[in-house]
Each structure stands twice: as structure tokens, then as C-alpha cells.
């Protein structure tokens, strides 16, 4: 599978996750999001995407689970009452998995849990 974006072919695996994290940019994120049924990326989407990318790129390939994502977004958005449900409104297909796909990160093999 691959994405055609601005005349460039971006390779992905069979599930739509990019093969190379360096192929990612804003246009790629928007194209993947649209294919995932997310029509518009708001600032909160970008905050989460940038957090996921930062954790992966600058923290030895770390892919945070939902608990870590919720805590990070609570801090980022100064919202101590933020719940996972709110993140599912941004990425209905699972914020850590679908968010990672839109963020151009490799597919996580984690099975879930905390």
C-alpha cells in the first residue's frame, strides 16, 4: 500500500502505517487522516500527533499507551479532568493506534493494557 501526496509516492505497510517516519509532514498527516475518516485536524489533533512523534523520535522509539497519552494531554491542555473519551473524539479508531498512523509512526505491536 502507498499514499500519493503532491505527486510523491509514500510507502506504507498493508495497514497504512508509513514505512519511513521521515516521509511524514503536514500534507501526509492530512491525507492519512482523511483516509481514516478525520476530515479536519484541529490544534488538539496536532498536539497529540506532535507528542506521539516526539516520544517516538526523541525517546528511543517509545510509543505511549493511552494512560500516558491522557496524562501528557492533561498537562499540555491544562485540563486535569481530561479523560480518554475526549481523545477518542479526536481519533475514534483508538488514539494511540490511529493517532500513531496519522503521525507517521510504525505500527505498534503492543497488545494493550497499562
PDB file of N, CA and C in Angstrom:
ATOM      1  N   UNK A   1       0.845  -1.176   0.000  1.00  0.00           N
ATOM      2  CA  UNK A   1       0.000   0.000   0.000  1.00  0.00           C
ATOM      3  C   UNK A   1       0.891   1.239   0.000  1.00  0.00           C
ATOM      4  N   UNK A   2       0.395   2.292  -0.599  1.00  0.00           N
ATOM      5  CA  UNK A   2       1.139   3.545  -0.588  1.00  0.00           C
ATOM      6  C   UNK A   2       0.162   4.707  -0.684  1.00  0.00           C
ATOM      7  N   UNK A   3       0.665   5.890  -0.361  1.00  0.00           N
ATOM      8  CA  UNK A   3      -0.107   7.124  -0.466  1.00  0.00           C
ATOM      9  C   UNK A   3       0.496   7.959  -1.584  1.00  0.00           C
ATOM     10  N   UNK A   4      -0.345   8.599  -2.374  1.00  0.00           N
ATOM     11  CA  UNK A   4       0.098   9.551  -3.393  1.00  0.00           C
ATOM     12  C   UNK A   4      -0.220  10.938  -2.872  1.00  0.00           C
ATOM     13  N   UNK A   5       0.829  11.701  -2.557  1.00  0.00           N
ATOM     14  CA  UNK A   5       0.642  13.021  -1.961  1.00  0.00           C
ATOM     15  C   UNK A   5       1.532  14.020  -2.681  1.00  0.00           C
ATOM     16  N   UNK A   6       0.889  15.017  -3.271  1.00  0.00           N
ATOM     17  CA  UNK A   6       1.604  16.067  -4.000  1.00  0.00           C
ATOM     18  C   UNK A   6       2.568  15.484  -5.032  1.00  0.00           C
ATOM     19  N   UNK A   7       2.122  14.465  -5.749  1.00  0.00           N
ATOM     20  CA  UNK A   7       2.928  13.867  -6.795  1.00  0.00           C
ATOM     21  C   UNK A   7       4.036  12.948  -6.304  1.00  0.00           C
ATOM     22  N   UNK A   8       4.053  12.676  -5.026  1.00  0.00           N
ATOM     23  CA  UNK A   8       5.091  11.815  -4.447  1.00  0.00           C
ATOM     24  C   UNK A   8       4.435  10.558  -3.881  1.00  0.00           C
ATOM     25  N   UNK A   9       5.085   9.422  -4.065  1.00  0.00           N
ATOM     26  CA  UNK A   9       4.588   8.162  -3.523  1.00  0.00           C
ATOM     27  C   UNK A   9       5.225   7.925  -2.162  1.00  0.00           C
ATOM     28  N   UNK A  10       4.382   7.747  -1.155  1.00  0.00           N
ATOM     29  CA  UNK A  10       4.827   7.484   0.211  1.00  0.00           C
ATOM     30  C   UNK A  10       4.470   6.038   0.534  1.00  0.00           C
ATOM     31  N   UNK A  11       5.472   5.225   0.809  1.00  0.00           N
ATOM     32  CA  UNK A  11       5.254   3.799   1.067  1.00  0.00           C
ATOM     33  C   UNK A  11       4.720   3.560   2.480  1.00  0.00           C
ATOM     34  N   UNK A  12       3.802   2.608   2.583  1.00  0.00           N
ATOM     35  CA  UNK A  12       3.264   2.200   3.878  1.00  0.00           C
ATOM     36  C   UNK A  12       3.091   0.689   3.882  1.00  0.00           C
ATOM     37  N   UNK A  13       2.843   0.147   5.083  1.00  0.00           N
ATOM     38  CA  UNK A  13       2.597  -1.289   5.161  1.00  0.00           C
ATOM     39  C   UNK A  13       1.144  -1.580   4.773  1.00  0.00           C
ATOM     40  N   UNK A  14       0.749  -2.825   4.857  1.00  0.00           N
ATOM     41  CA  UNK A  14      -0.599  -3.228   4.441  1.00  0.00           C
ATOM     42  C   UNK A  14      -1.697  -2.560   5.265  1.00  0.00           C
ATOM     43  N   UNK A  15      -1.363  -2.114   6.487  1.00  0.00           N
ATOM     44  CA  UNK A  15      -2.353  -1.470   7.348  1.00  0.00           C
ATOM     45  C   UNK A  15      -2.313   0.053   7.266  1.00  0.00           C
ATOM     46  N   UNK A  16      -1.475   0.602   6.389  1.00  0.00           N
ATOM     47  CA  UNK A  16      -1.450   2.044   6.176  1.00  0.00           C
ATOM     48  C   UNK A  16      -0.459   2.820   7.026  1.00  0.00           C
ATOM     49  N   UNK A  17       0.396   2.132   7.781  1.00  0.00           N
ATOM     50  CA  UNK A  17       1.413   2.801   8.588  1.00  0.00           C
ATOM     51  C   UNK A  17       2.637   3.066   7.723  1.00  0.00           C
ATOM     52  N   UNK A  18       3.206   4.264   7.818  1.00  0.00           N
ATOM     53  CA  UNK A  18       4.356   4.609   6.990  1.00  0.00           C
ATOM     54  C   UNK A  18       5.537   3.683   7.252  1.00  0.00           C
ATOM     55  N   UNK A  19       6.263   3.405   6.191  1.00  0.00           N
ATOM     56  CA  UNK A  19       7.464   2.575   6.303  1.00  0.00           C
ATOM     57  C   UNK A  19       8.654   3.396   6.804  1.00  0.00           C
ATOM     58  N   UNK A  20       8.632   4.705   6.544  1.00  0.00           N
ATOM     59  CA  UNK A  20       9.733   5.579   6.928  1.00  0.00           C
ATOM     60  C   UNK A  20       9.171   6.815   7.626  1.00  0.00           C
ATOM     61  N   UNK A  21       9.482   7.001   8.907  1.00  0.00           N
ATOM     62  CA  UNK A  21       8.949   8.140   9.664  1.00  0.00           C
ATOM     63  C   UNK A  21       9.386   9.472   9.068  1.00  0.00           C
ATOM     64  N   UNK A  22      10.481   9.489   8.322  1.00  0.00           N
ATOM     65  CA  UNK A  22      10.974  10.732   7.727  1.00  0.00           C
ATOM     66  C   UNK A  22      10.160  11.174   6.509  1.00  0.00           C
ATOM     67  N   UNK A  23       9.274  10.314   6.020  1.00  0.00           N
ATOM     68  CA  UNK A  23       8.399  10.689   4.905  1.00  0.00           C
ATOM     69  C   UNK A  23       7.219  11.542   5.360  1.00  0.00           C
ATOM     70  N   UNK A  24       7.053  11.694   6.654  1.00  0.00           N
ATOM     71  CA  UNK A  24       5.887  12.373   7.217  1.00  0.00           C
ATOM     72  C   UNK A  24       6.042  13.883   7.169  1.00  0.00           C
ATOM     73  N   UNK A  25       4.964  14.564   6.859  1.00  0.00           N
ATOM     74  CA  UNK A  25       4.861  16.013   7.007  1.00  0.00           C
ATOM     75  C   UNK A  25       3.373  16.343   7.151  1.00  0.00           C
ATOM     76  N   UNK A  26       3.058  17.623   7.203  1.00  0.00           N
ATOM     77  CA  UNK A  26       1.673  18.034   7.437  1.00  0.00           C
ATOM     78  C   UNK A  26       0.732  17.516   6.342  1.00  0.00           C
ATOM     79  N   UNK A  27       1.167  17.566   5.102  1.00  0.00           N
ATOM     80  CA  UNK A  27       0.328  17.088   3.997  1.00  0.00           C
ATOM     81  C   UNK A  27       0.070  15.588   4.111  1.00  0.00           C
ATOM     82  N   UNK A  28       1.085  14.833   4.508  1.00  0.00           N
ATOM     83  CA  UNK A  28       0.933  13.386   4.688  1.00  0.00           C
ATOM     84  C   UNK A  28      -0.055  13.118   5.822  1.00  0.00           C
ATOM     85  N   UNK A  29       0.092  13.844   6.934  1.00  0.00           N
ATOM     86  CA  UNK A  29      -0.827  13.666   8.063  1.00  0.00           C
ATOM     87  C   UNK A  29      -2.267  13.932   7.647  1.00  0.00           C
ATOM     88  N   UNK A  30      -2.481  14.997   6.900  1.00  0.00           N
ATOM     89  CA  UNK A  30      -3.840  15.336   6.461  1.00  0.00           C
ATOM     90  C   UNK A  30      -4.401  14.258   5.535  1.00  0.00           C
ATOM     91  N   UNK A  31      -3.573  13.727   4.654  1.00  0.00           N
ATOM     92  CA  UNK A  31      -4.028  12.687   3.726  1.00  0.00           C
ATOM     93  C   UNK A  31      -4.389  11.399   4.467  1.00  0.00           C
ATOM     94  N   UNK A  32      -3.545  11.008   5.411  1.00  0.00           N
ATOM     95  CA  UNK A  32      -3.834   9.795   6.185  1.00  0.00           C
ATOM     96  C   UNK A  32      -5.088  10.006   7.029  1.00  0.00           C
ATOM     97  N   UNK A  33      -5.193  11.174   7.664  1.00  0.00           N
ATOM     98  CA  UNK A  33      -6.373  11.473   8.486  1.00  0.00           C
ATOM     99  C   UNK A  33      -7.645  11.389   7.654  1.00  0.00           C
ATOM    100  N   UNK A  34      -7.608  11.968   6.473  1.00  0.00           N
ATOM    101  CA  UNK A  34      -8.785  11.940   5.601  1.00  0.00           C
ATOM    102  C   UNK A  34      -9.165  10.504   5.254  1.00  0.00           C
ATOM    103  N   UNK A  35      -8.167   9.679   4.950  1.00  0.00           N
ATOM    104  CA  UNK A  35      -8.428   8.276   4.647  1.00  0.00           C
ATOM    105  C   UNK A  35      -9.002   7.555   5.872  1.00  0.00           C
ATOM    106  N   UNK A  36      -8.647   8.026   7.061  1.00  0.00           N
ATOM    107  CA  UNK A  36      -9.151   7.437   8.307  1.00  0.00           C
ATOM    108  C   UNK A  36     -10.516   7.997   8.702  1.00  0.00           C
ATOM    109  N   UNK A  37     -11.061   8.908   7.892  1.00  0.00           N
ATOM    110  CA  UNK A  37     -12.367   9.482   8.181  1.00  0.00           C
ATOM    111  C   UNK A  37     -12.331  10.722   9.049  1.00  0.00           C
ATOM    112  N   UNK A  38     -11.148  11.293   9.229  1.00  0.00           N
ATOM    113  CA  UNK A  38     -10.997  12.520  10.012  1.00  0.00           C
ATOM    114  C   UNK A  38     -10.828  13.649   9.008  1.00  0.00           C
ATOM    115  N   UNK A  39     -11.862  14.461   8.871  1.00  0.00           N
ATOM    116  CA  UNK A  39     -11.879  15.490   7.823  1.00  0.00           C
ATOM    117  C   UNK A  39     -10.975  16.681   8.134  1.00  0.00           C
ATOM    118  N   UNK A  40     -10.870  17.041   9.388  1.00  0.00           N
ATOM    119  CA  UNK A  40     -10.090  18.224   9.750  1.00  0.00           C
ATOM    120  C   UNK A  40      -9.222  17.915  10.963  1.00  0.00           C
ATOM    121  N   UNK A  41      -7.982  18.368  10.920  1.00  0.00           N
ATOM    122  CA  UNK A  41      -7.081  18.233  12.067  1.00  0.00           C
ATOM    123  C   UNK A  41      -7.043  19.564  12.811  1.00  0.00           C
ATOM    124  N   UNK A  42      -7.566  19.545  14.032  1.00  0.00           N
ATOM    125  CA  UNK A  42      -7.588  20.748  14.861  1.00  0.00           C
ATOM    126  C   UNK A  42      -6.256  20.876  15.618  1.00  0.00           C
ATOM    127  N   UNK A  43      -6.115  21.948  16.371  1.00  0.00           N
ATOM    128  CA  UNK A  43      -4.898  22.130  17.163  1.00  0.00           C
ATOM    129  C   UNK A  43      -4.720  20.987  18.164  1.00  0.00           C
ATOM    130  N   UNK A  44      -5.809  20.483  18.706  1.00  0.00           N
ATOM    131  CA  UNK A  44      -5.694  19.358  19.641  1.00  0.00           C
ATOM    132  C   UNK A  44      -5.194  18.093  18.944  1.00  0.00           C
ATOM    133  N   UNK A  45      -5.632  17.876  17.716  1.00  0.00           N
ATOM    134  CA  UNK A  45      -5.092  16.754  16.935  1.00  0.00           C
ATOM    135  C   UNK A  45      -3.581  16.913  16.789  1.00  0.00           C
ATOM    136  N   UNK A  46      -3.155  18.110  16.377  1.00  0.00           N
ATOM    137  CA  UNK A  46      -1.723  18.355  16.153  1.00  0.00           C
ATOM    138  C   UNK A  46      -0.923  18.204  17.440  1.00  0.00           C
ATOM    139  N   UNK A  47      -1.497  18.661  18.565  1.00  0.00           N
ATOM    140  CA  UNK A  47      -0.806  18.498  19.851  1.00  0.00           C
ATOM    141  C   UNK A  47      -0.536  17.023  20.130  1.00  0.00           C
ATOM    142  N   UNK A  48      -1.553  16.200  19.923  1.00  0.00           N
ATOM    143  CA  UNK A  48      -1.399  14.768  20.175  1.00  0.00           C
ATOM    144  C   UNK A  48      -0.427  14.137  19.179  1.00  0.00           C
ATOM    145  N   UNK A  49      -0.547  14.492  17.911  1.00  0.00           N
ATOM    146  CA  UNK A  49       0.354  13.948  16.892  1.00  0.00           C
ATOM    147  C   UNK A  49       1.801  14.325  17.183  1.00  0.00           C
ATOM    148  N   UNK A  50       2.024  15.581  17.532  1.00  0.00           N
ATOM    149  CA  UNK A  50       3.388  16.026  17.829  1.00  0.00           C
ATOM    150  C   UNK A  50       3.939  15.348  19.078  1.00  0.00           C
ATOM    151  N   UNK A  51       3.088  15.116  20.069  1.00  0.00           N
ATOM    152  CA  UNK A  51       3.514  14.392  21.265  1.00  0.00           C
ATOM    153  C   UNK A  51       3.948  12.967  20.905  1.00  0.00           C
ATOM    154  N   UNK A  52       3.115  12.273  20.111  1.00  0.00           N
ATOM    155  CA  UNK A  52       3.444  10.901  19.719  1.00  0.00           C
ATOM    156  C   UNK A  52       4.752  10.847  18.936  1.00  0.00           C
ATOM    157  N   UNK A  53       4.940  11.785  18.016  1.00  0.00           N
ATOM    158  CA  UNK A  53       6.177  11.815  17.231  1.00  0.00           C
ATOM    159  C   UNK A  53       7.380  12.123  18.110  1.00  0.00           C
ATOM    160  N   UNK A  54       7.222  13.079  19.012  1.00  0.00           N
ATOM    161  CA  UNK A  54       8.331  13.437  19.897  1.00  0.00           C
ATOM    162  C   UNK A  54       8.746  12.246  20.763  1.00  0.00           C
ATOM    163  N   UNK A  55       7.763  11.538  21.305  1.00  0.00           N
ATOM    164  CA  UNK A  55       8.068  10.369  22.131  1.00  0.00           C
ATOM    165  C   UNK A  55       8.796   9.298  21.320  1.00  0.00           C
ATOM    166  N   UNK A  56       8.358   9.080  20.092  1.00  0.00           N
ATOM    167  CA  UNK A  56       8.976   8.038  19.270  1.00  0.00           C
ATOM    168  C   UNK A  56      10.383   8.452  18.827  1.00  0.00           C
ATOM    169  N   UNK A  57      10.506   9.644  18.307  1.00  0.00           N
ATOM    170  CA  UNK A  57      11.780  10.087  17.723  1.00  0.00           C
ATOM    171  C   UNK A  57      12.820  10.409  18.787  1.00  0.00           C
ATOM    172  N   UNK A  58      12.405  11.033  19.873  1.00  0.00           N
ATOM    173  CA  UNK A  58      13.358  11.508  20.874  1.00  0.00           C
ATOM    174  C   UNK A  58      13.428  10.648  22.130  1.00  0.00           C
ATOM    175  N   UNK A  59      12.718   9.518  22.136  1.00  0.00           N
ATOM    176  CA  UNK A  59      12.700   8.668  23.317  1.00  0.00           C
ATOM    177  C   UNK A  59      12.851   7.194  22.909  1.00  0.00           C
ATOM    178  N   UNK A  60      13.821   6.938  22.052  1.00  0.00           N
ATOM    179  CA  UNK A  60      14.213   5.568  21.676  1.00  0.00           C
ATOM    180  C   UNK A  60      13.057   4.712  21.159  1.00  0.00           C
ATOM    181  N   UNK A  61      12.195   5.306  20.332  1.00  0.00           N
ATOM    182  CA  UNK A  61      11.118   4.528  19.738  1.00  0.00           C
ATOM    183  C   UNK A  61       9.949   4.251  20.651  1.00  0.00           C
ATOM    184  N   UNK A  62       9.835   5.001  21.746  1.00  0.00           N
ATOM    185  CA  UNK A  62       8.735   4.809  22.704  1.00  0.00           C
ATOM    186  C   UNK A  62       7.402   5.164  22.051  1.00  0.00           C
ATOM    187  N   UNK A  63       6.438   4.264  22.192  1.00  0.00           N
ATOM    188  CA  UNK A  63       5.084   4.510  21.719  1.00  0.00           C
ATOM    189  C   UNK A  63       4.157   4.451  22.934  1.00  0.00           C
ATOM    190  N   UNK A  64       3.770   5.620  23.452  1.00  0.00           N
ATOM    191  CA  UNK A  64       2.994   5.665  24.691  1.00  0.00           C
ATOM    192  C   UNK A  64       1.626   5.001  24.578  1.00  0.00           C
ATOM    193  N   UNK A  65       1.192   4.425  25.703  1.00  0.00           N
ATOM    194  CA  UNK A  65      -0.146   3.841  25.744  1.00  0.00           C
ATOM    195  C   UNK A  65      -1.147   4.935  26.116  1.00  0.00           C
ATOM    196  N   UNK A  66      -2.420   4.576  26.172  1.00  0.00           N
ATOM    197  CA  UNK A  66      -3.475   5.564  26.431  1.00  0.00           C
ATOM    198  C   UNK A  66      -3.278   6.288  27.754  1.00  0.00           C
ATOM    199  N   UNK A  67      -2.880   5.574  28.763  1.00  0.00           N
ATOM    200  CA  UNK A  67      -2.692   6.194  30.071  1.00  0.00           C
ATOM    201  C   UNK A  67      -1.664   7.321  29.983  1.00  0.00           C
ATOM    202  N   UNK A  68      -0.538   7.076  29.309  1.00  0.00           N
ATOM    203  CA  UNK A  68       0.497   8.092  29.147  1.00  0.00           C
ATOM    204  C   UNK A  68       0.019   9.252  28.275  1.00  0.00           C
ATOM    205  N   UNK A  69      -0.726   8.935  27.239  1.00  0.00           N
ATOM    206  CA  UNK A  69      -1.233   9.981  26.347  1.00  0.00           C
ATOM    207  C   UNK A  69      -2.190  10.897  27.091  1.00  0.00           C
ATOM    208  N   UNK A  70      -3.105  10.314  27.860  1.00  0.00           N
ATOM    209  CA  UNK A  70      -4.060  11.121  28.628  1.00  0.00           C
ATOM    210  C   UNK A  70      -3.304  12.047  29.588  1.00  0.00           C
ATOM    211  N   UNK A  71      -2.337  11.522  30.308  1.00  0.00           N
ATOM    212  CA  UNK A  71      -1.569  12.340  31.252  1.00  0.00           C
ATOM    213  C   UNK A  71      -0.838  13.472  30.544  1.00  0.00           C
ATOM    214  N   UNK A  72      -0.235  13.168  29.397  1.00  0.00           N
ATOM    215  CA  UNK A  72       0.501  14.195  28.648  1.00  0.00           C
ATOM    216  C   UNK A  72      -0.434  15.289  28.140  1.00  0.00           C
ATOM    217  N   UNK A  73      -1.607  14.902  27.651  1.00  0.00           N
ATOM    218  CA  UNK A  73      -2.553  15.897  27.133  1.00  0.00           C
ATOM    219  C   UNK A  73      -3.213  16.680  28.269  1.00  0.00           C
ATOM    220  N   UNK A  74      -3.389  16.048  29.434  1.00  0.00           N
ATOM    221  CA  UNK A  74      -3.887  16.788  30.596  1.00  0.00           C
ATOM    222  C   UNK A  74      -2.932  17.934  30.917  1.00  0.00           C
ATOM    223  N   UNK A  75      -1.647  17.643  30.875  1.00  0.00           N
ATOM    224  CA  UNK A  75      -0.631  18.652  31.152  1.00  0.00           C
ATOM    225  C   UNK A  75      -0.593  19.694  30.039  1.00  0.00           C
ATOM    226  N   UNK A  76      -0.558  19.256  28.800  1.00  0.00           N
ATOM    227  CA  UNK A  76      -0.464  20.157  27.650  1.00  0.00           C
ATOM    228  C   UNK A  76      -1.639  21.114  27.604  1.00  0.00           C
ATOM    229  N   UNK A  77      -2.837  20.590  27.848  1.00  0.00           N
ATOM    230  CA  UNK A  77      -4.050  21.393  27.733  1.00  0.00           C
ATOM    231  C   UNK A  77      -4.509  21.965  29.074  1.00  0.00           C
ATOM    232  N   UNK A  78      -3.718  21.745  30.122  1.00  0.00           N
ATOM    233  CA  UNK A  78      -4.054  22.228  31.462  1.00  0.00           C
ATOM    234  C   UNK A  78      -5.497  21.839  31.825  1.00  0.00           C
ATOM    235  N   UNK A  79      -5.795  20.557  31.659  1.00  0.00           N
ATOM    236  CA  UNK A  79      -7.140  20.033  31.895  1.00  0.00           C
ATOM    237  C   UNK A  79      -7.034  18.741  32.692  1.00  0.00           C
ATOM    238  N   UNK A  80      -7.015  18.868  34.003  1.00  0.00           N
ATOM    239  CA  UNK A  80      -6.837  17.702  34.879  1.00  0.00           C
ATOM    240  C   UNK A  80      -8.022  16.742  34.833  1.00  0.00           C
ATOM    241  N   UNK A  81      -9.147  17.174  34.258  1.00  0.00           N
ATOM    242  CA  UNK A  81     -10.320  16.308  34.174  1.00  0.00           C
ATOM    243  C   UNK A  81     -10.429  15.608  32.818  1.00  0.00           C
ATOM    244  N   UNK A  82      -9.447  15.817  31.969  1.00  0.00           N
ATOM    245  CA  UNK A  82      -9.455  15.175  30.655  1.00  0.00           C
ATOM    246  C   UNK A  82      -9.481  13.661  30.816  1.00  0.00           C
ATOM    247  N   UNK A  83     -10.352  13.022  30.040  1.00  0.00           N
ATOM    248  CA  UNK A  83     -10.472  11.567  30.072  1.00  0.00           C
ATOM    249  C   UNK A  83     -10.180  11.004  28.686  1.00  0.00           C
ATOM    250  N   UNK A  84      -9.910   9.734  28.636  1.00  0.00           N
ATOM    251  CA  UNK A  84      -9.621   9.058  27.366  1.00  0.00           C
ATOM    252  C   UNK A  84     -10.758   9.261  26.368  1.00  0.00           C
ATOM    253  N   UNK A  85     -11.977   9.341  26.859  1.00  0.00           N
ATOM    254  CA  UNK A  85     -13.146   9.535  25.993  1.00  0.00           C
ATOM    255  C   UNK A  85     -12.967  10.757  25.090  1.00  0.00           C
ATOM    256  N   UNK A  86     -12.386  11.809  25.619  1.00  0.00           N
ATOM    257  CA  UNK A  86     -12.166  13.024  24.834  1.00  0.00           C
ATOM    258  C   UNK A  86     -11.171  12.791  23.705  1.00  0.00           C
ATOM    259  N   UNK A  87     -10.189  11.937  23.942  1.00  0.00           N
ATOM    260  CA  UNK A  87      -9.207  11.643  22.910  1.00  0.00           C
ATOM    261  C   UNK A  87      -9.808  10.759  21.815  1.00  0.00           C
ATOM    262  N   UNK A  88     -10.775   9.916  22.189  1.00  0.00           N
ATOM    263  CA  UNK A  88     -11.473   9.101  21.199  1.00  0.00           C
ATOM    264  C   UNK A  88     -12.337   9.975  20.286  1.00  0.00           C
ATOM    265  N   UNK A  89     -12.723  11.155  20.756  1.00  0.00           N
ATOM    266  CA  UNK A  89     -13.460  12.082  19.896  1.00  0.00           C
ATOM    267  C   UNK A  89     -12.532  12.619  18.803  1.00  0.00           C
ATOM    268  N   UNK A  90     -11.244  12.737  19.109  1.00  0.00           N
ATOM    269  CA  UNK A  90     -10.270  13.182  18.115  1.00  0.00           C
ATOM    270  C   UNK A  90      -9.905  12.056  17.153  1.00  0.00           C
ATOM    271  N   UNK A  91      -9.630  10.883  17.721  1.00  0.00           N
ATOM    272  CA  UNK A  91      -9.218   9.712  16.945  1.00  0.00           C
ATOM    273  C   UNK A  91     -10.101   8.529  17.330  1.00  0.00           C
ATOM    274  N   UNK A  92     -11.281   8.411  16.700  1.00  0.00           N
ATOM    275  CA  UNK A  92     -12.244   7.376  17.088  1.00  0.00           C
ATOM    276  C   UNK A  92     -11.731   5.944  16.920  1.00  0.00           C
ATOM    277  N   UNK A  93     -10.719   5.752  16.080  1.00  0.00           N
ATOM    278  CA  UNK A  93     -10.187   4.417  15.847  1.00  0.00           C
ATOM    279  C   UNK A  93      -9.134   4.017  16.859  1.00  0.00           C
ATOM    280  N   UNK A  94      -9.056   4.685  17.978  1.00  0.00           N
ATOM    281  CA  UNK A  94      -8.125   4.445  19.082  1.00  0.00           C
ATOM    282  C   UNK A  94      -6.986   5.469  19.004  1.00  0.00           C
ATOM    283  N   UNK A  95      -6.956   6.407  19.929  1.00  0.00           N
ATOM    284  CA  UNK A  95      -5.967   7.487  19.871  1.00  0.00           C
ATOM    285  C   UNK A  95      -4.512   7.032  19.782  1.00  0.00           C
ATOM    286  N   UNK A  96      -4.145   5.955  20.468  1.00  0.00           N
ATOM    287  CA  UNK A  96      -2.739   5.566  20.388  1.00  0.00           C
ATOM    288  C   UNK A  96      -2.425   4.879  19.058  1.00  0.00           C
ATOM    289  N   UNK A  97      -3.326   4.093  18.534  1.00  0.00           N
ATOM    290  CA  UNK A  97      -3.057   3.383  17.272  1.00  0.00           C
ATOM    291  C   UNK A  97      -3.354   4.267  16.054  1.00  0.00           C
ATOM    292  N   UNK A  98      -4.564   4.809  15.980  1.00  0.00           N
ATOM    293  CA  UNK A  98      -4.918   5.659  14.852  1.00  0.00           C
ATOM    294  C   UNK A  98      -4.092   6.952  14.878  1.00  0.00           C
ATOM    295  N   UNK A  99      -3.854   7.483  16.071  1.00  0.00           N
ATOM    296  CA  UNK A  99      -3.017   8.671  16.196  1.00  0.00           C
ATOM    297  C   UNK A  99      -1.610   8.407  15.688  1.00  0.00           C
ATOM    298  N   UNK A 100      -1.063   7.250  16.017  1.00  0.00           N
ATOM    299  CA  UNK A 100       0.276   6.886  15.542  1.00  0.00           C
ATOM    300  C   UNK A 100       0.305   6.750  14.028  1.00  0.00           C
ATOM    301  N   UNK A 101      -0.762   6.225  13.457  1.00  0.00           N
ATOM    302  CA  UNK A 101      -0.816   6.089  11.995  1.00  0.00           C
ATOM    303  C   UNK A 101      -0.786   7.473  11.347  1.00  0.00           C
ATOM    304  N   UNK A 102      -1.632   8.374  11.834  1.00  0.00           N
ATOM    305  CA  UNK A 102      -1.681   9.731  11.273  1.00  0.00           C
ATOM    306  C   UNK A 102      -0.369  10.470  11.541  1.00  0.00           C
ATOM    307  N   UNK A 103       0.296  10.151  12.646  1.00  0.00           N
ATOM    308  CA  UNK A 103       1.580  10.774  12.992  1.00  0.00           C
ATOM    309  C   UNK A 103       2.745  10.188  12.196  1.00  0.00           C
ATOM    310  N   UNK A 104       2.476   9.201  11.354  1.00  0.00           N
ATOM    311  CA  UNK A 104       3.512   8.634  10.506  1.00  0.00           C
ATOM    312  C   UNK A 104       4.466   7.699  11.217  1.00  0.00           C
ATOM    313  N   UNK A 105       4.010   7.098  12.303  1.00  0.00           N
ATOM    314  CA  UNK A 105       4.864   6.208  13.091  1.00  0.00           C
ATOM    315  C   UNK A 105       4.618   4.752  12.721  1.00  0.00           C
ATOM    316  N   UNK A 106       5.560   3.872  13.052  1.00  0.00           N
ATOM    317  CA  UNK A 106       5.373   2.448  12.755  1.00  0.00           C
ATOM    318  C   UNK A 106       4.188   1.866  13.535  1.00  0.00           C
ATOM    319  N   UNK A 107       3.650   0.801  13.016  1.00  0.00           N
ATOM    320  CA  UNK A 107       2.548   0.109  13.677  1.00  0.00           C
ATOM    321  C   UNK A 107       3.037  -0.498  14.985  1.00  0.00           C
ATOM    322  N   UNK A 108       2.294  -0.238  16.050  1.00  0.00           N
ATOM    323  CA  UNK A 108       2.641  -0.774  17.360  1.00  0.00           C
ATOM    324  C   UNK A 108       2.234  -2.236  17.437  1.00  0.00           C
ATOM    325  N   UNK A 109       3.075  -3.031  18.026  1.00  0.00           N
ATOM    326  CA  UNK A 109       2.762  -4.442  18.232  1.00  0.00           C
ATOM    327  C   UNK A 109       2.244  -4.700  19.646  1.00  0.00           C
ATOM    328  N   UNK A 110       2.121  -3.615  20.429  1.00  0.00           N
ATOM    329  CA  UNK A 110       1.652  -3.731  21.812  1.00  0.00           C
ATOM    330  C   UNK A 110       0.219  -4.266  21.816  1.00  0.00           C
ATOM    331  N   UNK A 111      -0.083  -5.115  22.757  1.00  0.00           N
ATOM    332  CA  UNK A 111      -1.397  -5.753  22.816  1.00  0.00           C
ATOM    333  C   UNK A 111      -2.386  -4.998  23.682  1.00  0.00           C
ATOM    334  N   UNK A 112      -1.968  -3.945  24.344  1.00  0.00           N
ATOM    335  CA  UNK A 112      -2.896  -3.180  25.165  1.00  0.00           C
ATOM    336  C   UNK A 112      -2.573  -3.296  26.631  1.00  0.00           C
ATOM    337  N   UNK A 113      -3.470  -2.813  27.446  1.00  0.00           N
ATOM    338  CA  UNK A 113      -3.246  -2.811  28.886  1.00  0.00           C
ATOM    339  C   UNK A 113      -2.389  -1.641  29.304  1.00  0.00           C
ATOM    340  N   UNK A 114      -2.073  -1.584  30.567  1.00  0.00           N
ATOM    341  CA  UNK A 114      -1.261  -0.488  31.098  1.00  0.00           C
ATOM    342  C   UNK A 114       0.103  -1.007  31.382  1.00  0.00           C
TER     343      UNK A 114
END
